[in-house]
C-alpha atoms as a PDB file:
ATOM      1  CA  UNK A   1      17.682 -11.149  22.656  1.00  0.00           C
ATOM      2  CA  UNK A   2      13.963 -11.610  21.977  1.00  0.00           C
ATOM      3  CA  UNK A   3      13.525  -7.868  21.487  1.00  0.00           C
ATOM      4  CA  UNK A   4      16.283  -7.808  18.839  1.00  0.00           C
ATOM      5  CA  UNK A   5      14.667 -10.712  16.983  1.00  0.00           C
ATOM      6  CA  UNK A   6      11.317  -8.931  17.097  1.00  0.00           C
ATOM      7  CA  UNK A   7      12.797  -5.720  15.706  1.00  0.00           C
ATOM      8  CA  UNK A   8      14.535  -7.621  12.901  1.00  0.00           C
ATOM      9  CA  UNK A   9      11.359  -9.564  12.120  1.00  0.00           C
ATOM     10  CA  UNK A  10       9.189  -6.435  12.033  1.00  0.00           C
ATOM     11  CA  UNK A  11      11.729  -4.606   9.886  1.00  0.00           C
ATOM     12  CA  UNK A  12      11.872  -7.422   7.323  1.00  0.00           C
ATOM     13  CA  UNK A  13       8.095  -7.790   7.393  1.00  0.00           C
ATOM     14  CA  UNK A  14       7.643  -4.057   6.882  1.00  0.00           C
ATOM     15  CA  UNK A  15      10.039  -3.848   3.970  1.00  0.00           C
ATOM     16  CA  UNK A  16       8.623  -6.891   2.196  1.00  0.00           C
ATOM     17  CA  UNK A  17       5.028  -5.775   2.744  1.00  0.00           C
ATOM     18  CA  UNK A  18       5.731  -2.290   1.470  1.00  0.00           C
ATOM     19  CA  UNK A  19       7.519  -3.570  -1.611  1.00  0.00           C
ATOM     20  CA  UNK A  20       4.829  -6.096  -2.479  1.00  0.00           C
ATOM     21  CA  UNK A  21       1.492  -4.490  -1.708  1.00  0.00           C
ATOM     22  CA  UNK A  22       1.836  -0.720  -1.888  1.00  0.00           C
ATOM     23  CA  UNK A  23       1.932  -0.365  -5.635  1.00  0.00           C
ATOM     24  CA  UNK A  24      -1.016   1.286  -7.299  1.00  0.00           C
ATOM     25  CA  UNK A  25      -3.461  -0.997  -9.074  1.00  0.00           C
ATOM     26  CA  UNK A  26      -3.734  -0.700 -12.862  1.00  0.00           C
ATOM     27  CA  UNK A  27      -6.359   1.498 -14.418  1.00  0.00           C
ATOM     28  CA  UNK A  28      -6.943   4.968 -15.739  1.00  0.00           C
ATOM     29  CA  UNK A  29      -8.136   8.420 -14.766  1.00  0.00           C
ATOM     30  CA  UNK A  30     -10.874   9.635 -17.069  1.00  0.00           C
ATOM     31  CA  UNK A  31     -11.234  13.178 -18.426  1.00  0.00           C
ATOM     32  CA  UNK A  32     -14.069  13.889 -15.983  1.00  0.00           C
ATOM     33  CA  UNK A  33     -11.989  12.686 -12.988  1.00  0.00           C
ATOM     34  CA  UNK A  34     -13.566   9.229 -12.684  1.00  0.00           C
ATOM     35  CA  UNK A  35     -11.202   6.407 -11.610  1.00  0.00           C
ATOM     36  CA  UNK A  36     -11.480   3.331 -13.836  1.00  0.00           C
ATOM     37  CA  UNK A  37      -9.883  -0.033 -13.079  1.00  0.00           C
ATOM     38  CA  UNK A  38     -10.070  -0.989 -16.751  1.00  0.00           C
ATOM     39  CA  UNK A  39      -7.126  -0.730 -19.128  1.00  0.00           C
ATOM     40  CA  UNK A  40      -8.598  -2.161 -22.308  1.00  0.00           C
ATOM     41  CA  UNK A  41     -10.455  -0.770 -25.257  1.00  0.00           C
ATOM     42  CA  UNK A  42     -13.421   1.366 -24.231  1.00  0.00           C
ATOM     43  CA  UNK A  43     -11.906   2.504 -20.947  1.00  0.00           C
ATOM     44  CA  UNK A  44     -13.593   5.757 -19.845  1.00  0.00           C
ATOM     45  CA  UNK A  45     -15.862   5.739 -22.921  1.00  0.00           C
ATOM     46  CA  UNK A  46     -18.744   7.169 -20.873  1.00  0.00           C
ATOM     47  CA  UNK A  47     -16.508   9.681 -19.108  1.00  0.00           C
ATOM     48  CA  UNK A  48     -15.000  11.656 -21.970  1.00  0.00           C
ATOM     49  CA  UNK A  49     -12.044   9.381 -22.667  1.00  0.00           C
ATOM     50  CA  UNK A  50      -8.817   8.624 -20.854  1.00  0.00           C
ATOM     51  CA  UNK A  51      -6.910  11.511 -19.283  1.00  0.00           C
ATOM     52  CA  UNK A  52      -3.980   9.274 -18.281  1.00  0.00           C
ATOM     53  CA  UNK A  53      -3.203   5.699 -17.338  1.00  0.00           C
ATOM     54  CA  UNK A  54      -1.996   4.920 -13.827  1.00  0.00           C
ATOM     55  CA  UNK A  55       1.633   3.872 -13.482  1.00  0.00           C
ATOM     56  CA  UNK A  56       1.585   0.605 -11.514  1.00  0.00           C
ATOM     57  CA  UNK A  57       5.245   1.054 -10.543  1.00  0.00           C
ATOM     58  CA  UNK A  58       4.270   4.116  -8.526  1.00  0.00           C
ATOM     59  CA  UNK A  59       3.850   3.710  -4.761  1.00  0.00           C
ATOM     60  CA  UNK A  60       0.454   4.487  -3.226  1.00  0.00           C
ATOM     61  CA  UNK A  61       0.974   6.914  -0.314  1.00  0.00           C
ATOM     62  CA  UNK A  62      -2.258   6.027   1.600  1.00  0.00           C
ATOM     63  CA  UNK A  63      -1.544   2.278   1.421  1.00  0.00           C
ATOM     64  CA  UNK A  64       2.042   2.806   2.515  1.00  0.00           C
ATOM     65  CA  UNK A  65       1.083   5.062   5.421  1.00  0.00           C
ATOM     66  CA  UNK A  66      -1.638   2.652   6.558  1.00  0.00           C
ATOM     67  CA  UNK A  67       0.727  -0.301   6.554  1.00  0.00           C
ATOM     68  CA  UNK A  68       3.398   1.603   8.454  1.00  0.00           C
ATOM     69  CA  UNK A  69       0.891   2.620  11.141  1.00  0.00           C
ATOM     70  CA  UNK A  70      -0.427  -0.959  11.398  1.00  0.00           C
ATOM     71  CA  UNK A  71       3.057  -2.422  11.724  1.00  0.00           C
ATOM     72  CA  UNK A  72       4.044   0.111  14.387  1.00  0.00           C
ATOM     73  CA  UNK A  73       0.821  -0.593  16.311  1.00  0.00           C
ATOM     74  CA  UNK A  74       1.310  -4.370  16.199  1.00  0.00           C
ATOM     75  CA  UNK A  75       4.945  -3.974  17.234  1.00  0.00           C
ATOM     76  CA  UNK A  76       4.038  -1.759  20.189  1.00  0.00           C
ATOM     77  CA  UNK A  77       1.298  -4.128  21.337  1.00  0.00           C
ATOM     78  CA  UNK A  78       3.643  -7.109  21.085  1.00  0.00           C
ATOM     79  CA  UNK A  79       6.548  -5.337  22.819  1.00  0.00           C
ATOM     80  CA  UNK A  80       4.183  -3.939  25.474  1.00  0.00           C
ATOM     81  CA  UNK A  81       2.819  -7.409  26.242  1.00  0.00           C
ATOM     82  CA  UNK A  82       6.378  -8.747  26.653  1.00  0.00           C
ATOM     83  CA  UNK A  83       7.283  -5.972  29.129  1.00  0.00           C
ATOM     84  CA  UNK A  84       4.360  -6.709  31.468  1.00  0.00           C
ATOM     85  CA  UNK A  85       5.483 -10.281  32.132  1.00  0.00           C
END
């Protein structure tokens, strides 16, 4: 029963974490390739202007992959420690 609770907990934690923290942060990509975290007037003024603004509703692949690996690792460590007892 404890293993089922752990799986449910990790699943809910994973889904909520991915939905909350894996979105890209606001900013812009400048014409010379520079990443700016600014969105106001003058953004990329020293880099040739704004190429495009970053869509904050988009999911960041590296953040998502990192969180998935971390959650799997924590789950395996926790499940492994329960098995040894």
